[in-house]
Amino acid sequence: QGFTAIIAAAYTKDLLHQIPPSKVKAKKPISKILGSN
C-alpha cells in the first residue's frame, strides 16, 4: 500500500504541475456547479 500511495502522489503532483494556474482560475468552483451555497 505504501508504494502505491507514493506513486499516486507523484503522479498527481506531476499532473497538477502541467495545468497552468490561469486555467484553474478560469474554472467554476465545484460548489457552484453542484448548486451548493
PDB file of N, CA and C in Angstrom:
ATOM      1  N   GLN A   1       0.819  -1.200   0.000  1.00  0.00           N
ATOM      2  CA  GLN A   1       0.000   0.000   0.000  1.00  0.00           C
ATOM      3  C   GLN A   1       0.859   1.259   0.000  1.00  0.00           C
ATOM      4  N   GLY A   2       1.947   1.253   0.747  1.00  0.00           N
ATOM      5  CA  GLY A   2       2.800   2.436   0.827  1.00  0.00           C
ATOM      6  C   GLY A   2       3.355   2.837  -0.522  1.00  0.00           C
ATOM      7  N   PHE A   3       3.817   1.837  -1.274  1.00  0.00           N
ATOM      8  CA  PHE A   3       4.380   2.118  -2.594  1.00  0.00           C
ATOM      9  C   PHE A   3       3.320   2.701  -3.524  1.00  0.00           C
ATOM     10  N   THR A   4       2.125   2.155  -3.469  1.00  0.00           N
ATOM     11  CA  THR A   4       1.030   2.651  -4.308  1.00  0.00           C
ATOM     12  C   THR A   4       0.698   4.098  -3.975  1.00  0.00           C
ATOM     13  N   ALA A   5       0.692   4.436  -2.694  1.00  0.00           N
ATOM     14  CA  ALA A   5       0.406   5.814  -2.276  1.00  0.00           C
ATOM     15  C   ALA A   5       1.482   6.770  -2.776  1.00  0.00           C
ATOM     16  N   ILE A   6       2.729   6.343  -2.722  1.00  0.00           N
ATOM     17  CA  ILE A   6       3.831   7.187  -3.201  1.00  0.00           C
ATOM     18  C   ILE A   6       3.700   7.431  -4.705  1.00  0.00           C
ATOM     19  N   ILE A   7       3.394   6.388  -5.454  1.00  0.00           N
ATOM     20  CA  ILE A   7       3.231   6.521  -6.903  1.00  0.00           C
ATOM     21  C   ILE A   7       2.048   7.432  -7.230  1.00  0.00           C
ATOM     22  N   ALA A   8       0.936   7.251  -6.520  1.00  0.00           N
ATOM     23  CA  ALA A   8      -0.244   8.092  -6.755  1.00  0.00           C
ATOM     24  C   ALA A   8       0.053   9.554  -6.452  1.00  0.00           C
ATOM     25  N   ALA A   9       0.775   9.812  -5.366  1.00  0.00           N
ATOM     26  CA  ALA A   9       1.122  11.191  -5.008  1.00  0.00           C
ATOM     27  C   ALA A   9       2.041  11.810  -6.060  1.00  0.00           C
ATOM     28  N   ALA A  10       3.015  11.060  -6.522  1.00  0.00           N
ATOM     29  CA  ALA A  10       3.938  11.570  -7.538  1.00  0.00           C
ATOM     30  C   ALA A  10       3.204  11.854  -8.851  1.00  0.00           C
ATOM     31  N   TYR A  11       2.310  10.961  -9.238  1.00  0.00           N
ATOM     32  CA  TYR A  11       1.532  11.152 -10.465  1.00  0.00           C
ATOM     33  C   TYR A  11       0.657  12.397 -10.357  1.00  0.00           C
ATOM     34  N   THR A  12      -0.008  12.563  -9.211  1.00  0.00           N
ATOM     35  CA  THR A  12      -0.881  13.717  -9.000  1.00  0.00           C
ATOM     36  C   THR A  12      -0.087  15.014  -9.027  1.00  0.00           C
ATOM     37  N   LYS A  13       1.066  15.012  -8.375  1.00  0.00           N
ATOM     38  CA  LYS A  13       1.914  16.210  -8.358  1.00  0.00           C
ATOM     39  C   LYS A  13       2.335  16.579  -9.780  1.00  0.00           C
ATOM     40  N   ASP A  14       2.750  15.592 -10.557  1.00  0.00           N
ATOM     41  CA  ASP A  14       3.150  15.843 -11.936  1.00  0.00           C
ATOM     42  C   ASP A  14       1.977  16.359 -12.764  1.00  0.00           C
ATOM     43  N   LEU A  15       0.819  15.762 -12.583  1.00  0.00           N
ATOM     44  CA  LEU A  15      -0.374  16.186 -13.311  1.00  0.00           C
ATOM     45  C   LEU A  15      -0.735  17.631 -12.985  1.00  0.00           C
ATOM     46  N   LEU A  16      -0.694  17.991 -11.707  1.00  0.00           N
ATOM     47  CA  LEU A  16      -1.043  19.354 -11.303  1.00  0.00           C
ATOM     48  C   LEU A  16      -0.039  20.379 -11.818  1.00  0.00           C
ATOM     49  N   HIS A  17       1.224  19.978 -11.964  1.00  0.00           N
ATOM     50  CA  HIS A  17       2.229  20.900 -12.499  1.00  0.00           C
ATOM     51  C   HIS A  17       2.016  21.175 -13.983  1.00  0.00           C
ATOM     52  N   GLN A  18       1.248  20.329 -14.654  1.00  0.00           N
ATOM     53  CA  GLN A  18       1.012  20.508 -16.084  1.00  0.00           C
ATOM     54  C   GLN A  18      -0.192  21.398 -16.378  1.00  0.00           C
ATOM     55  N   ILE A  19      -0.966  21.747 -15.355  1.00  0.00           N
ATOM     56  CA  ILE A  19      -2.143  22.598 -15.538  1.00  0.00           C
ATOM     57  C   ILE A  19      -1.751  24.042 -15.220  1.00  0.00           C
ATOM     58  N   PRO A  20      -1.822  24.955 -16.191  1.00  0.00           N
ATOM     59  CA  PRO A  20      -1.461  26.348 -15.927  1.00  0.00           C
ATOM     60  C   PRO A  20      -2.423  26.982 -14.911  1.00  0.00           C
ATOM     61  N   PRO A  21      -1.907  27.792 -13.973  1.00  0.00           N
ATOM     62  CA  PRO A  21      -2.770  28.444 -12.976  1.00  0.00           C
ATOM     63  C   PRO A  21      -3.900  29.255 -13.599  1.00  0.00           C
ATOM     64  N   SER A  22      -3.678  29.852 -14.748  1.00  0.00           N
ATOM     65  CA  SER A  22      -4.735  30.642 -15.392  1.00  0.00           C
ATOM     66  C   SER A  22      -5.934  29.765 -15.764  1.00  0.00           C
ATOM     67  N   LYS A  23      -5.697  28.523 -16.105  1.00  0.00           N
ATOM     68  CA  LYS A  23      -6.791  27.598 -16.429  1.00  0.00           C
ATOM     69  C   LYS A  23      -7.590  27.257 -15.177  1.00  0.00           C
ATOM     70  N   VAL A  24      -6.912  27.128 -14.058  1.00  0.00           N
ATOM     71  CA  VAL A  24      -7.582  26.794 -12.799  1.00  0.00           C
ATOM     72  C   VAL A  24      -8.471  27.946 -12.358  1.00  0.00           C
ATOM     73  N   LYS A  25      -7.968  29.170 -12.455  1.00  0.00           N
ATOM     74  CA  LYS A  25      -8.734  30.348 -12.038  1.00  0.00           C
ATOM     75  C   LYS A  25      -9.953  30.568 -12.929  1.00  0.00           C
ATOM     76  N   ALA A  26      -9.884  30.132 -14.172  1.00  0.00           N
ATOM     77  CA  ALA A  26     -10.985  30.348 -15.110  1.00  0.00           C
ATOM     78  C   ALA A  26     -12.144  29.377 -14.900  1.00  0.00           C
ATOM     79  N   LYS A  27     -11.938  28.321 -14.142  1.00  0.00           N
ATOM     80  CA  LYS A  27     -12.977  27.305 -13.938  1.00  0.00           C
ATOM     81  C   LYS A  27     -13.885  27.664 -12.779  1.00  0.00           C
ATOM     82  N   LYS A  28     -15.125  27.176 -12.836  1.00  0.00           N
ATOM     83  CA  LYS A  28     -16.085  27.389 -11.755  1.00  0.00           C
ATOM     84  C   LYS A  28     -15.757  26.470 -10.581  1.00  0.00           C
ATOM     85  N   PRO A  29     -15.971  26.951  -9.361  1.00  0.00           N
ATOM     86  CA  PRO A  29     -15.814  26.061  -8.206  1.00  0.00           C
ATOM     87  C   PRO A  29     -16.851  24.935  -8.262  1.00  0.00           C
ATOM     88  N   ILE A  30     -16.494  23.780  -7.759  1.00  0.00           N
ATOM     89  CA  ILE A  30     -17.402  22.630  -7.785  1.00  0.00           C
ATOM     90  C   ILE A  30     -18.698  22.925  -7.038  1.00  0.00           C
ATOM     91  N   SER A  31     -18.641  23.765  -5.999  1.00  0.00           N
ATOM     92  CA  SER A  31     -19.854  24.098  -5.245  1.00  0.00           C
ATOM     93  C   SER A  31     -20.870  24.830  -6.127  1.00  0.00           C
ATOM     94  N   LYS A  32     -20.398  25.665  -7.038  1.00  0.00           N
ATOM     95  CA  LYS A  32     -21.316  26.366  -7.948  1.00  0.00           C
ATOM     96  C   LYS A  32     -21.875  25.417  -8.999  1.00  0.00           C
ATOM     97  N   ILE A  33     -21.065  24.487  -9.447  1.00  0.00           N
ATOM     98  CA  ILE A  33     -21.523  23.517 -10.441  1.00  0.00           C
ATOM     99  C   ILE A  33     -22.613  22.629  -9.849  1.00  0.00           C
ATOM    100  N   LEU A  34     -22.432  22.225  -8.588  1.00  0.00           N
ATOM    101  CA  LEU A  34     -23.397  21.341  -7.934  1.00  0.00           C
ATOM    102  C   LEU A  34     -24.578  22.092  -7.334  1.00  0.00           C
ATOM    103  N   GLY A  35     -24.514  23.435  -7.317  1.00  0.00           N
ATOM    104  CA  GLY A  35     -25.610  24.233  -6.782  1.00  0.00           C
ATOM    105  C   GLY A  35     -25.571  24.413  -5.281  1.00  0.00           C
ATOM    106  N   SER A  36     -24.440  24.106  -4.659  1.00  0.00           N
ATOM    107  CA  SER A  36     -24.310  24.304  -3.213  1.00  0.00           C
ATOM    108  C   SER A  36     -24.023  25.760  -2.914  1.00  0.00           C
ATOM    109  N   ASN A  37     -24.463  26.208  -1.752  1.00  0.00           N
ATOM    110  CA  ASN A  37     -24.170  27.585  -1.326  1.00  0.00           C
ATOM    111  C   ASN A  37     -23.233  27.573  -0.167  1.00  0.00           C
TER     112      ASN A  37
END
